[in-house]
Amino acid sequence: MDRALKNINYKEETKELAVFAKALAHPTRIAILKHLDNQTCCFTGDLVEVFPLAQSTISQHLKELKNAGLIQGELKPPKIRYCINQQNWNKAKLLFERFFV
C-alpha cells in the first residue's frame, strides 16, 4: 500500500473492494474466473490446456486470486483443485455494484 495512505482509516468495505480490484487487474485472472464460473472446479493442468501460458504463470495468477479470496484450492495429491469461493465472489459482486452506482 502507498506509504502516504497507510495511516488512513478506510472502511473495511473499501479495503475489501481494493483487494478484489487488484486481483482482477490482469486480463488472465479475469479469464480464469470466467472459466471457473462455468466449471464446478478444475486443476491447474486443465487451465494450462485452456490458456496458452506456462504452468508457472497460471499458478502465479491462481495464487493472486486465492490470496484475494476469490477462489479456493483443495489439495488432491499430487494436484490442487480450484473453484470459485462463492461467498467472496458474491461479496465482490455486491461491492462492485455498490461502487458503480
N, C-alpha and C. Protein backbone atom coordinates (compact mmCIF):
# COMPACT_ATOMS: atom_id res chain seq x y z
N MET A 1 0.84 -1.18 0.00
CA MET A 1 0.00 0.00 0.00
C MET A 1 0.88 1.24 0.00
N ASP A 2 0.44 2.29 -0.64
CA ASP A 2 1.15 3.55 -0.71
C ASP A 2 1.43 4.07 0.70
N ARG A 3 2.66 4.45 0.98
CA ARG A 3 3.03 4.93 2.32
C ARG A 3 2.20 6.12 2.77
N ALA A 4 1.88 7.01 1.85
CA ALA A 4 1.11 8.21 2.20
C ALA A 4 -0.31 7.84 2.63
N LEU A 5 -0.80 6.71 2.17
CA LEU A 5 -2.16 6.30 2.50
C LEU A 5 -2.22 5.29 3.64
N LYS A 6 -1.07 4.82 4.08
CA LYS A 6 -1.01 3.75 5.06
C LYS A 6 -1.76 4.05 6.35
N ASN A 7 -1.71 5.28 6.81
CA ASN A 7 -2.32 5.63 8.09
C ASN A 7 -3.76 6.10 7.98
N ILE A 8 -4.33 6.07 6.79
CA ILE A 8 -5.72 6.47 6.62
C ILE A 8 -6.62 5.31 7.05
N ASN A 9 -7.64 5.61 7.81
CA ASN A 9 -8.57 4.58 8.28
C ASN A 9 -9.70 4.42 7.28
N TYR A 10 -9.52 3.50 6.34
CA TYR A 10 -10.54 3.22 5.35
C TYR A 10 -11.58 2.28 5.95
N LYS A 11 -12.78 2.37 5.43
CA LYS A 11 -13.81 1.42 5.82
C LYS A 11 -13.36 0.03 5.36
N GLU A 12 -13.77 -0.98 6.11
CA GLU A 12 -13.41 -2.36 5.75
C GLU A 12 -13.90 -2.70 4.35
N GLU A 13 -15.08 -2.21 4.01
CA GLU A 13 -15.66 -2.46 2.68
C GLU A 13 -14.76 -1.89 1.58
N THR A 14 -14.19 -0.74 1.82
CA THR A 14 -13.29 -0.10 0.85
C THR A 14 -12.02 -0.92 0.67
N LYS A 15 -11.48 -1.42 1.78
CA LYS A 15 -10.27 -2.26 1.72
C LYS A 15 -10.55 -3.55 0.95
N GLU A 16 -11.69 -4.18 1.24
CA GLU A 16 -12.04 -5.42 0.55
C GLU A 16 -12.20 -5.20 -0.95
N LEU A 17 -12.85 -4.11 -1.31
CA LEU A 17 -13.04 -3.79 -2.72
C LEU A 17 -11.69 -3.61 -3.41
N ALA A 18 -10.76 -2.95 -2.75
CA ALA A 18 -9.43 -2.73 -3.32
C ALA A 18 -8.69 -4.05 -3.53
N VAL A 19 -8.83 -4.98 -2.60
CA VAL A 19 -8.19 -6.30 -2.74
C VAL A 19 -8.77 -7.04 -3.94
N PHE A 20 -10.09 -7.03 -4.07
CA PHE A 20 -10.74 -7.70 -5.20
C PHE A 20 -10.33 -7.03 -6.52
N ALA A 21 -10.32 -5.69 -6.53
CA ALA A 21 -9.97 -4.96 -7.74
C ALA A 21 -8.53 -5.27 -8.18
N LYS A 22 -7.63 -5.34 -7.22
CA LYS A 22 -6.23 -5.64 -7.55
C LYS A 22 -6.12 -7.04 -8.17
N ALA A 23 -6.86 -7.99 -7.62
CA ALA A 23 -6.83 -9.35 -8.15
C ALA A 23 -7.40 -9.41 -9.56
N LEU A 24 -8.32 -8.53 -9.87
CA LEU A 24 -8.95 -8.51 -11.19
C LEU A 24 -8.21 -7.61 -12.18
N ALA A 25 -7.08 -7.08 -11.78
CA ALA A 25 -6.36 -6.11 -12.60
C ALA A 25 -5.54 -6.73 -13.73
N HIS A 26 -5.71 -8.01 -13.98
CA HIS A 26 -4.98 -8.65 -15.08
C HIS A 26 -5.98 -9.44 -15.92
N PRO A 27 -5.92 -9.30 -17.23
CA PRO A 27 -6.89 -10.00 -18.10
C PRO A 27 -6.89 -11.52 -17.94
N THR A 28 -5.74 -12.11 -17.67
CA THR A 28 -5.69 -13.56 -17.50
C THR A 28 -6.49 -13.99 -16.27
N ARG A 29 -6.41 -13.21 -15.20
CA ARG A 29 -7.16 -13.55 -13.99
C ARG A 29 -8.66 -13.45 -14.23
N ILE A 30 -9.06 -12.45 -14.98
CA ILE A 30 -10.48 -12.33 -15.32
C ILE A 30 -10.92 -13.53 -16.15
N ALA A 31 -10.09 -13.92 -17.11
CA ALA A 31 -10.41 -15.07 -17.96
C ALA A 31 -10.47 -16.36 -17.13
N ILE A 32 -9.56 -16.51 -16.18
CA ILE A 32 -9.58 -17.69 -15.32
C ILE A 32 -10.87 -17.73 -14.51
N LEU A 33 -11.26 -16.59 -13.95
CA LEU A 33 -12.51 -16.54 -13.17
C LEU A 33 -13.72 -16.87 -14.04
N LYS A 34 -13.75 -16.34 -15.25
CA LYS A 34 -14.85 -16.66 -16.16
C LYS A 34 -14.89 -18.16 -16.45
N HIS A 35 -13.72 -18.73 -16.67
CA HIS A 35 -13.64 -20.17 -16.93
C HIS A 35 -14.13 -20.96 -15.72
N LEU A 36 -13.65 -20.60 -14.53
CA LEU A 36 -14.05 -21.31 -13.32
C LEU A 36 -15.54 -21.12 -13.02
N ASP A 37 -16.08 -19.99 -13.41
CA ASP A 37 -17.51 -19.73 -13.16
C ASP A 37 -18.38 -20.67 -14.00
N ASN A 38 -17.83 -21.19 -15.09
CA ASN A 38 -18.56 -22.12 -15.95
C ASN A 38 -18.24 -23.58 -15.64
N GLN A 39 -17.40 -23.83 -14.65
CA GLN A 39 -16.99 -25.18 -14.26
C GLN A 39 -17.35 -25.39 -12.79
N THR A 40 -17.45 -26.64 -12.41
CA THR A 40 -17.60 -26.92 -10.98
C THR A 40 -16.27 -26.61 -10.30
N CYS A 41 -15.22 -27.18 -10.81
CA CYS A 41 -13.86 -26.97 -10.34
C CYS A 41 -12.93 -27.45 -11.44
N CYS A 42 -11.65 -27.12 -11.34
CA CYS A 42 -10.68 -27.67 -12.28
C CYS A 42 -9.28 -27.62 -11.67
N PHE A 43 -8.38 -28.35 -12.30
CA PHE A 43 -7.00 -28.42 -11.85
C PHE A 43 -6.14 -27.45 -12.67
N THR A 44 -4.96 -27.12 -12.14
CA THR A 44 -4.04 -26.22 -12.84
C THR A 44 -3.76 -26.72 -14.25
N GLY A 45 -3.55 -28.01 -14.39
CA GLY A 45 -3.27 -28.58 -15.71
C GLY A 45 -4.39 -28.35 -16.70
N ASP A 46 -5.63 -28.35 -16.21
CA ASP A 46 -6.77 -28.06 -17.08
C ASP A 46 -6.68 -26.64 -17.62
N LEU A 47 -6.28 -25.73 -16.76
CA LEU A 47 -6.17 -24.32 -17.18
C LEU A 47 -5.02 -24.12 -18.16
N VAL A 48 -3.95 -24.88 -17.99
CA VAL A 48 -2.81 -24.81 -18.92
C VAL A 48 -3.25 -25.24 -20.31
N GLU A 49 -4.18 -26.16 -20.39
CA GLU A 49 -4.71 -26.59 -21.69
C GLU A 49 -5.61 -25.54 -22.33
N VAL A 50 -6.27 -24.73 -21.49
CA VAL A 50 -7.20 -23.71 -21.98
C VAL A 50 -6.46 -22.43 -22.36
N PHE A 51 -5.50 -22.04 -21.56
CA PHE A 51 -4.76 -20.78 -21.78
C PHE A 51 -3.35 -21.08 -22.26
N PRO A 52 -2.88 -20.37 -23.28
CA PRO A 52 -1.55 -20.63 -23.84
C PRO A 52 -0.43 -20.00 -23.00
N LEU A 53 -0.38 -20.43 -21.74
CA LEU A 53 0.62 -19.89 -20.81
C LEU A 53 1.32 -21.04 -20.10
N ALA A 54 2.50 -20.76 -19.59
CA ALA A 54 3.25 -21.76 -18.83
C ALA A 54 2.50 -22.08 -17.54
N GLN A 55 2.70 -23.29 -17.04
CA GLN A 55 2.05 -23.69 -15.80
C GLN A 55 2.44 -22.77 -14.65
N SER A 56 3.69 -22.33 -14.62
CA SER A 56 4.13 -21.43 -13.55
C SER A 56 3.39 -20.10 -13.60
N THR A 57 3.10 -19.62 -14.80
CA THR A 57 2.35 -18.37 -14.95
C THR A 57 0.92 -18.54 -14.48
N ILE A 58 0.29 -19.63 -14.88
CA ILE A 58 -1.07 -19.93 -14.43
C ILE A 58 -1.09 -20.04 -12.91
N SER A 59 -0.11 -20.73 -12.35
CA SER A 59 -0.04 -20.90 -10.90
C SER A 59 0.08 -19.57 -10.18
N GLN A 60 0.86 -18.65 -10.74
CA GLN A 60 1.01 -17.33 -10.12
C GLN A 60 -0.32 -16.58 -10.14
N HIS A 61 -1.04 -16.65 -11.24
CA HIS A 61 -2.36 -15.99 -11.31
C HIS A 61 -3.34 -16.64 -10.33
N LEU A 62 -3.31 -17.95 -10.22
CA LEU A 62 -4.18 -18.64 -9.26
C LEU A 62 -3.84 -18.22 -7.83
N LYS A 63 -2.56 -18.06 -7.56
CA LYS A 63 -2.12 -17.62 -6.23
C LYS A 63 -2.69 -16.24 -5.90
N GLU A 64 -2.64 -15.33 -6.86
CA GLU A 64 -3.19 -13.98 -6.63
C GLU A 64 -4.70 -14.02 -6.38
N LEU A 65 -5.40 -14.83 -7.16
CA LEU A 65 -6.85 -14.95 -6.98
C LEU A 65 -7.19 -15.60 -5.65
N LYS A 66 -6.38 -16.57 -5.27
CA LYS A 66 -6.61 -17.25 -3.99
C LYS A 66 -6.31 -16.31 -2.82
N ASN A 67 -5.22 -15.55 -2.92
CA ASN A 67 -4.87 -14.60 -1.86
C ASN A 67 -5.96 -13.55 -1.66
N ALA A 68 -6.63 -13.20 -2.75
CA ALA A 68 -7.72 -12.22 -2.66
C ALA A 68 -9.01 -12.87 -2.16
N GLY A 69 -9.01 -14.20 -2.09
CA GLY A 69 -10.19 -14.90 -1.60
C GLY A 69 -11.24 -15.18 -2.65
N LEU A 70 -10.92 -14.92 -3.91
CA LEU A 70 -11.91 -15.13 -4.97
C LEU A 70 -12.02 -16.59 -5.39
N ILE A 71 -10.96 -17.36 -5.17
CA ILE A 71 -11.01 -18.79 -5.46
C ILE A 71 -10.49 -19.54 -4.24
N GLN A 72 -10.75 -20.82 -4.24
CA GLN A 72 -10.21 -21.67 -3.18
C GLN A 72 -9.61 -22.91 -3.82
N GLY A 73 -8.62 -23.45 -3.16
CA GLY A 73 -7.97 -24.65 -3.66
C GLY A 73 -8.11 -25.78 -2.67
N GLU A 74 -8.36 -26.95 -3.20
CA GLU A 74 -8.47 -28.15 -2.38
C GLU A 74 -7.39 -29.11 -2.82
N LEU A 75 -6.55 -29.51 -1.89
CA LEU A 75 -5.44 -30.41 -2.20
C LEU A 75 -5.96 -31.81 -2.50
N LYS A 76 -5.68 -32.26 -3.71
CA LYS A 76 -5.98 -33.62 -4.15
C LYS A 76 -4.67 -34.18 -4.66
N PRO A 77 -3.79 -34.65 -3.73
CA PRO A 77 -2.44 -35.04 -4.12
C PRO A 77 -2.41 -35.86 -5.40
N PRO A 78 -1.50 -35.56 -6.30
CA PRO A 78 -0.46 -34.52 -6.22
C PRO A 78 -0.92 -33.19 -6.82
N LYS A 79 -2.21 -32.98 -6.97
CA LYS A 79 -2.72 -31.77 -7.62
C LYS A 79 -3.55 -30.93 -6.65
N ILE A 80 -3.85 -29.72 -7.09
CA ILE A 80 -4.77 -28.85 -6.36
C ILE A 80 -5.95 -28.55 -7.27
N ARG A 81 -7.14 -28.75 -6.74
CA ARG A 81 -8.36 -28.48 -7.49
C ARG A 81 -8.87 -27.10 -7.08
N TYR A 82 -9.11 -26.24 -8.07
CA TYR A 82 -9.55 -24.87 -7.81
C TYR A 82 -11.00 -24.67 -8.20
N CYS A 83 -11.67 -23.85 -7.41
CA CYS A 83 -13.03 -23.44 -7.75
C CYS A 83 -13.27 -22.04 -7.15
N ILE A 84 -14.32 -21.42 -7.60
CA ILE A 84 -14.65 -20.09 -7.10
C ILE A 84 -15.12 -20.18 -5.65
N ASN A 85 -14.65 -19.26 -4.84
CA ASN A 85 -15.14 -19.13 -3.47
C ASN A 85 -16.45 -18.33 -3.57
N GLN A 86 -17.56 -19.04 -3.58
CA GLN A 86 -18.86 -18.41 -3.86
C GLN A 86 -19.20 -17.29 -2.89
N GLN A 87 -18.86 -17.45 -1.63
CA GLN A 87 -19.17 -16.42 -0.64
C GLN A 87 -18.44 -15.11 -0.98
N ASN A 88 -17.15 -15.20 -1.25
CA ASN A 88 -16.38 -13.99 -1.57
C ASN A 88 -16.69 -13.47 -2.97
N TRP A 89 -17.00 -14.37 -3.90
CA TRP A 89 -17.39 -13.97 -5.25
C TRP A 89 -18.65 -13.12 -5.19
N ASN A 90 -19.62 -13.57 -4.41
CA ASN A 90 -20.86 -12.79 -4.26
C ASN A 90 -20.61 -11.47 -3.54
N LYS A 91 -19.70 -11.49 -2.56
CA LYS A 91 -19.35 -10.25 -1.86
C LYS A 91 -18.70 -9.26 -2.82
N ALA A 92 -17.79 -9.76 -3.66
CA ALA A 92 -17.11 -8.89 -4.63
C ALA A 92 -18.11 -8.28 -5.59
N LYS A 93 -19.05 -9.08 -6.07
CA LYS A 93 -20.07 -8.56 -6.99
C LYS A 93 -20.88 -7.46 -6.32
N LEU A 94 -21.25 -7.67 -5.07
CA LEU A 94 -22.02 -6.67 -4.34
C LEU A 94 -21.22 -5.39 -4.13
N LEU A 95 -19.97 -5.52 -3.74
CA LEU A 95 -19.13 -4.34 -3.51
C LEU A 95 -18.92 -3.54 -4.79
N PHE A 96 -18.68 -4.24 -5.90
CA PHE A 96 -18.51 -3.53 -7.17
C PHE A 96 -19.82 -2.87 -7.60
N GLU A 97 -20.92 -3.54 -7.38
CA GLU A 97 -22.22 -2.97 -7.72
C GLU A 97 -22.46 -1.69 -6.94
N ARG A 98 -22.18 -1.72 -5.65
CA ARG A 98 -22.33 -0.51 -4.81
C ARG A 98 -21.39 0.60 -5.26
N PHE A 99 -20.20 0.22 -5.66
CA PHE A 99 -19.20 1.21 -6.08
C PHE A 99 -19.63 1.93 -7.36
N PHE A 100 -20.20 1.18 -8.29
CA PHE A 100 -20.54 1.74 -9.59
C PHE A 100 -21.92 2.38 -9.65
N VAL A 101 -22.64 2.37 -8.54
CA VAL A 101 -23.97 3.01 -8.53
C VAL A 101 -23.82 4.49 -8.31
